C-alpha atoms as a PDB file:
ATOM      1  CA  UNK A   1      -5.245  30.843 -11.092  1.00  0.00           C
ATOM      2  CA  UNK A   2      -8.159  28.780 -12.025  1.00  0.00           C
ATOM      3  CA  UNK A   3     -11.194  27.965 -10.070  1.00  0.00           C
ATOM      4  CA  UNK A   4     -13.522  24.952 -10.598  1.00  0.00           C
ATOM      5  CA  UNK A   5     -16.953  24.660  -9.090  1.00  0.00           C
ATOM      6  CA  UNK A   6     -18.216  20.984  -8.820  1.00  0.00           C
ATOM      7  CA  UNK A   7     -21.409  19.481  -7.483  1.00  0.00           C
ATOM      8  CA  UNK A   8     -22.296  15.955  -6.806  1.00  0.00           C
ATOM      9  CA  UNK A   9     -25.009  13.949  -4.809  1.00  0.00           C
ATOM     10  CA  UNK A  10     -23.803  10.926  -2.761  1.00  0.00           C
ATOM     11  CA  UNK A  11     -25.618   8.291  -0.811  1.00  0.00           C
ATOM     12  CA  UNK A  12     -23.178   8.856   2.091  1.00  0.00           C
ATOM     13  CA  UNK A  13     -24.221  11.003   4.946  1.00  0.00           C
ATOM     14  CA  UNK A  14     -22.189  14.068   5.702  1.00  0.00           C
ATOM     15  CA  UNK A  15     -20.589  12.248   8.580  1.00  0.00           C
ATOM     16  CA  UNK A  16     -19.656   9.309   6.358  1.00  0.00           C
ATOM     17  CA  UNK A  17     -18.039  11.664   3.729  1.00  0.00           C
ATOM     18  CA  UNK A  18     -16.083  13.529   6.311  1.00  0.00           C
ATOM     19  CA  UNK A  19     -14.885  10.254   7.791  1.00  0.00           C
ATOM     20  CA  UNK A  20     -13.647   9.018   4.396  1.00  0.00           C
ATOM     21  CA  UNK A  21     -12.078  12.295   3.523  1.00  0.00           C
ATOM     22  CA  UNK A  22     -10.064  12.435   6.761  1.00  0.00           C
ATOM     23  CA  UNK A  23      -9.154   8.767   7.026  1.00  0.00           C
ATOM     24  CA  UNK A  24      -5.335   8.800   6.377  1.00  0.00           C
ATOM     25  CA  UNK A  25      -4.866   5.121   7.199  1.00  0.00           C
ATOM     26  CA  UNK A  26      -3.732   2.322   4.955  1.00  0.00           C
ATOM     27  CA  UNK A  27      -5.718   1.753   1.738  1.00  0.00           C
ATOM     28  CA  UNK A  28      -6.582   5.468   1.472  1.00  0.00           C
ATOM     29  CA  UNK A  29      -5.945   4.875  -2.225  1.00  0.00           C
ATOM     30  CA  UNK A  30      -8.975   2.502  -2.540  1.00  0.00           C
ATOM     31  CA  UNK A  31     -11.125   5.661  -1.994  1.00  0.00           C
ATOM     32  CA  UNK A  32      -8.910   8.198  -3.508  1.00  0.00           C
ATOM     33  CA  UNK A  33      -6.755   6.719  -6.177  1.00  0.00           C
ATOM     34  CA  UNK A  34      -4.679   9.885  -6.617  1.00  0.00           C
ATOM     35  CA  UNK A  35      -3.285   9.309  -3.049  1.00  0.00           C
ATOM     36  CA  UNK A  36      -1.091   6.405  -3.417  1.00  0.00           C
ATOM     37  CA  UNK A  37      -0.188   4.714  -0.003  1.00  0.00           C
ATOM     38  CA  UNK A  38       3.535   4.566  -0.685  1.00  0.00           C
ATOM     39  CA  UNK A  39       3.389   8.294  -1.176  1.00  0.00           C
ATOM     40  CA  UNK A  40       1.185   9.092   1.733  1.00  0.00           C
ATOM     41  CA  UNK A  41       2.986  10.759   4.687  1.00  0.00           C
ATOM     42  CA  UNK A  42       0.941  12.029   7.638  1.00  0.00           C
ATOM     43  CA  UNK A  43       3.012  14.786   9.468  1.00  0.00           C
ATOM     44  CA  UNK A  44       0.480  15.281  12.192  1.00  0.00           C
ATOM     45  CA  UNK A  45      -2.863  13.771  13.109  1.00  0.00           C
ATOM     46  CA  UNK A  46      -4.117  16.631  15.249  1.00  0.00           C
ATOM     47  CA  UNK A  47      -3.601  19.212  12.634  1.00  0.00           C
ATOM     48  CA  UNK A  48      -4.011  16.965   9.651  1.00  0.00           C
ATOM     49  CA  UNK A  49      -0.937  17.952   7.950  1.00  0.00           C
ATOM     50  CA  UNK A  50      -0.409  15.386   5.186  1.00  0.00           C
ATOM     51  CA  UNK A  51       1.680  14.863   2.115  1.00  0.00           C
ATOM     52  CA  UNK A  52      -0.076  12.741  -0.561  1.00  0.00           C
ATOM     53  CA  UNK A  53       0.016  12.150  -4.218  1.00  0.00           C
ATOM     54  CA  UNK A  54       1.092   9.749  -6.972  1.00  0.00           C
ATOM     55  CA  UNK A  55       4.759  10.089  -6.881  1.00  0.00           C
ATOM     56  CA  UNK A  56       5.059  12.393  -9.926  1.00  0.00           C
ATOM     57  CA  UNK A  57       2.695  14.913  -8.416  1.00  0.00           C
ATOM     58  CA  UNK A  58       2.511  15.445  -4.678  1.00  0.00           C
ATOM     59  CA  UNK A  59       0.939  18.003  -2.341  1.00  0.00           C
ATOM     60  CA  UNK A  60       1.398  18.913   1.266  1.00  0.00           C
ATOM     61  CA  UNK A  61      -2.105  19.716   2.547  1.00  0.00           C
ATOM     62  CA  UNK A  62      -3.576  21.124   5.784  1.00  0.00           C
ATOM     63  CA  UNK A  63      -7.163  19.736   6.445  1.00  0.00           C
ATOM     64  CA  UNK A  64      -9.467  21.856   8.605  1.00  0.00           C
ATOM     65  CA  UNK A  65     -12.883  20.252   9.398  1.00  0.00           C
ATOM     66  CA  UNK A  66     -13.627  22.323  12.493  1.00  0.00           C
ATOM     67  CA  UNK A  67     -16.944  22.945  10.696  1.00  0.00           C
ATOM     68  CA  UNK A  68     -17.918  19.373   9.740  1.00  0.00           C
ATOM     69  CA  UNK A  69     -20.061  20.764   6.974  1.00  0.00           C
ATOM     70  CA  UNK A  70     -17.390  22.731   5.451  1.00  0.00           C
ATOM     71  CA  UNK A  71     -14.018  21.080   4.938  1.00  0.00           C
ATOM     72  CA  UNK A  72     -11.198  23.366   3.929  1.00  0.00           C
ATOM     73  CA  UNK A  73      -8.033  21.853   2.517  1.00  0.00           C
ATOM     74  CA  UNK A  74      -5.128  24.270   1.956  1.00  0.00           C
ATOM     75  CA  UNK A  75      -2.074  23.518  -0.070  1.00  0.00           C
ATOM     76  CA  UNK A  76       1.038  24.370   1.940  1.00  0.00           C
ATOM     77  CA  UNK A  77       3.734  22.905  -0.289  1.00  0.00           C
ATOM     78  CA  UNK A  78       3.527  21.071  -3.674  1.00  0.00           C
ATOM     79  CA  UNK A  79       5.937  20.194  -6.652  1.00  0.00           C
ATOM     80  CA  UNK A  80       3.417  21.543  -9.229  1.00  0.00           C
ATOM     81  CA  UNK A  81       0.913  23.958  -7.285  1.00  0.00           C
ATOM     82  CA  UNK A  82       1.481  27.472  -5.954  1.00  0.00           C
ATOM     83  CA  UNK A  83       0.850  28.723  -2.536  1.00  0.00           C
ATOM     84  CA  UNK A  84      -2.892  29.816  -3.191  1.00  0.00           C
ATOM     85  CA  UNK A  85      -4.227  26.380  -4.052  1.00  0.00           C
ATOM     86  CA  UNK A  86      -7.285  24.949  -1.993  1.00  0.00           C
ATOM     87  CA  UNK A  87     -10.204  22.584  -1.958  1.00  0.00           C
ATOM     88  CA  UNK A  88     -13.348  23.559  -0.118  1.00  0.00           C
ATOM     89  CA  UNK A  89     -16.191  20.871   0.374  1.00  0.00           C
ATOM     90  CA  UNK A  90     -19.581  22.005   1.496  1.00  0.00           C
ATOM     91  CA  UNK A  91     -21.934  19.224   2.569  1.00  0.00           C
ATOM     92  CA  UNK A  92     -25.583  19.532   2.810  1.00  0.00           C
ATOM     93  CA  UNK A  93     -27.767  16.652   4.121  1.00  0.00           C
ATOM     94  CA  UNK A  94     -30.834  16.028   1.974  1.00  0.00           C
ATOM     95  CA  UNK A  95     -34.229  14.875   3.378  1.00  0.00           C
ATOM     96  CA  UNK A  96     -33.843  11.649   1.327  1.00  0.00           C
ATOM     97  CA  UNK A  97     -30.791  10.662   3.247  1.00  0.00           C
ATOM     98  CA  UNK A  98     -28.229  11.565   0.539  1.00  0.00           C
ATOM     99  CA  UNK A  99     -25.741  14.348   0.683  1.00  0.00           C
ATOM    100  CA  UNK A 100     -25.105  17.337  -1.819  1.00  0.00           C
ATOM    101  CA  UNK A 101     -21.445  18.093  -2.034  1.00  0.00           C
ATOM    102  CA  UNK A 102     -20.303  21.312  -3.429  1.00  0.00           C
ATOM    103  CA  UNK A 103     -16.549  21.526  -4.130  1.00  0.00           C
ATOM    104  CA  UNK A 104     -14.540  24.633  -5.049  1.00  0.00           C
ATOM    105  CA  UNK A 105     -11.000  24.001  -6.295  1.00  0.00           C
ATOM    106  CA  UNK A 106      -8.564  26.859  -6.579  1.00  0.00           C
ATOM    107  CA  UNK A 107      -5.355  25.963  -8.257  1.00  0.00           C
ATOM    108  CA  UNK A 108      -2.317  28.030  -8.989  1.00  0.00           C
ATOM    109  CA  UNK A 109       0.531  26.367 -10.956  1.00  0.00           C
ATOM    110  CA  UNK A 110       4.179  26.994 -10.062  1.00  0.00           C
ATOM    111  CA  UNK A 111       5.325  26.882 -13.736  1.00  0.00           C
ATOM    112  CA  UNK A 112       3.799  26.468 -17.065  1.00  0.00           C
ATOM    113  CA  UNK A 113       5.338  22.891 -17.131  1.00  0.00           C
ATOM    114  CA  UNK A 114       3.695  22.147 -13.847  1.00  0.00           C
ATOM    115  CA  UNK A 115       0.432  23.335 -15.166  1.00  0.00           C
ATOM    116  CA  UNK A 116       0.438  20.707 -17.767  1.00  0.00           C
ATOM    117  CA  UNK A 117       1.529  18.056 -15.339  1.00  0.00           C
ATOM    118  CA  UNK A 118      -1.207  19.061 -12.890  1.00  0.00           C
ATOM    119  CA  UNK A 119      -3.965  18.941 -15.446  1.00  0.00           C
ATOM    120  CA  UNK A 120      -3.036  15.372 -16.297  1.00  0.00           C
ATOM    121  CA  UNK A 121      -3.505  14.239 -12.808  1.00  0.00           C
ATOM    122  CA  UNK A 122      -6.097  15.546 -10.370  1.00  0.00           C
ATOM    123  CA  UNK A 123      -4.936  16.371  -6.986  1.00  0.00           C
ATOM    124  CA  UNK A 124      -5.760  13.628  -4.324  1.00  0.00           C
ATOM    125  CA  UNK A 125      -8.242  15.485  -2.334  1.00  0.00           C
ATOM    126  CA  UNK A 126      -9.935  17.188  -5.360  1.00  0.00           C
ATOM    127  CA  UNK A 127     -11.059  13.863  -6.772  1.00  0.00           C
ATOM    128  CA  UNK A 128     -14.397  12.529  -5.763  1.00  0.00           C
ATOM    129  CA  UNK A 129     -13.936   9.242  -4.192  1.00  0.00           C
ATOM    130  CA  UNK A 130     -13.838   6.362  -6.515  1.00  0.00           C
ATOM    131  CA  UNK A 131     -15.479   4.041  -4.044  1.00  0.00           C
ATOM    132  CA  UNK A 132     -18.691   4.646  -2.330  1.00  0.00           C
ATOM    133  CA  UNK A 133     -18.167   6.051   1.180  1.00  0.00           C
END
């Protein structure tokens, strides 16, 4: 199991970041390129049970934003990740209107082959948005 701790500051408010992260509509890949539209399948909108990926690498994820400043995304199935993988985003509004984003990615590969495939392609939700949100 490996754990990454990431930090970034964005011009988006916490509400705007949450809205972008949980928008599973068409064109999600314009913000998250590792979530290609043709491979996006929303299983439930109320529970945010979603399969996303690039075709070669996919994950079924449960999104929980009951605390809008701490979004927890749990991997429930994947072709490369094991059952303990997760992504936790902690959002902190700054006085200057920007937002600090702390992300903790915990990933467990299913096999050593899967580990090398996974390292070549970041999981959809773990990538910082490529487009300003």
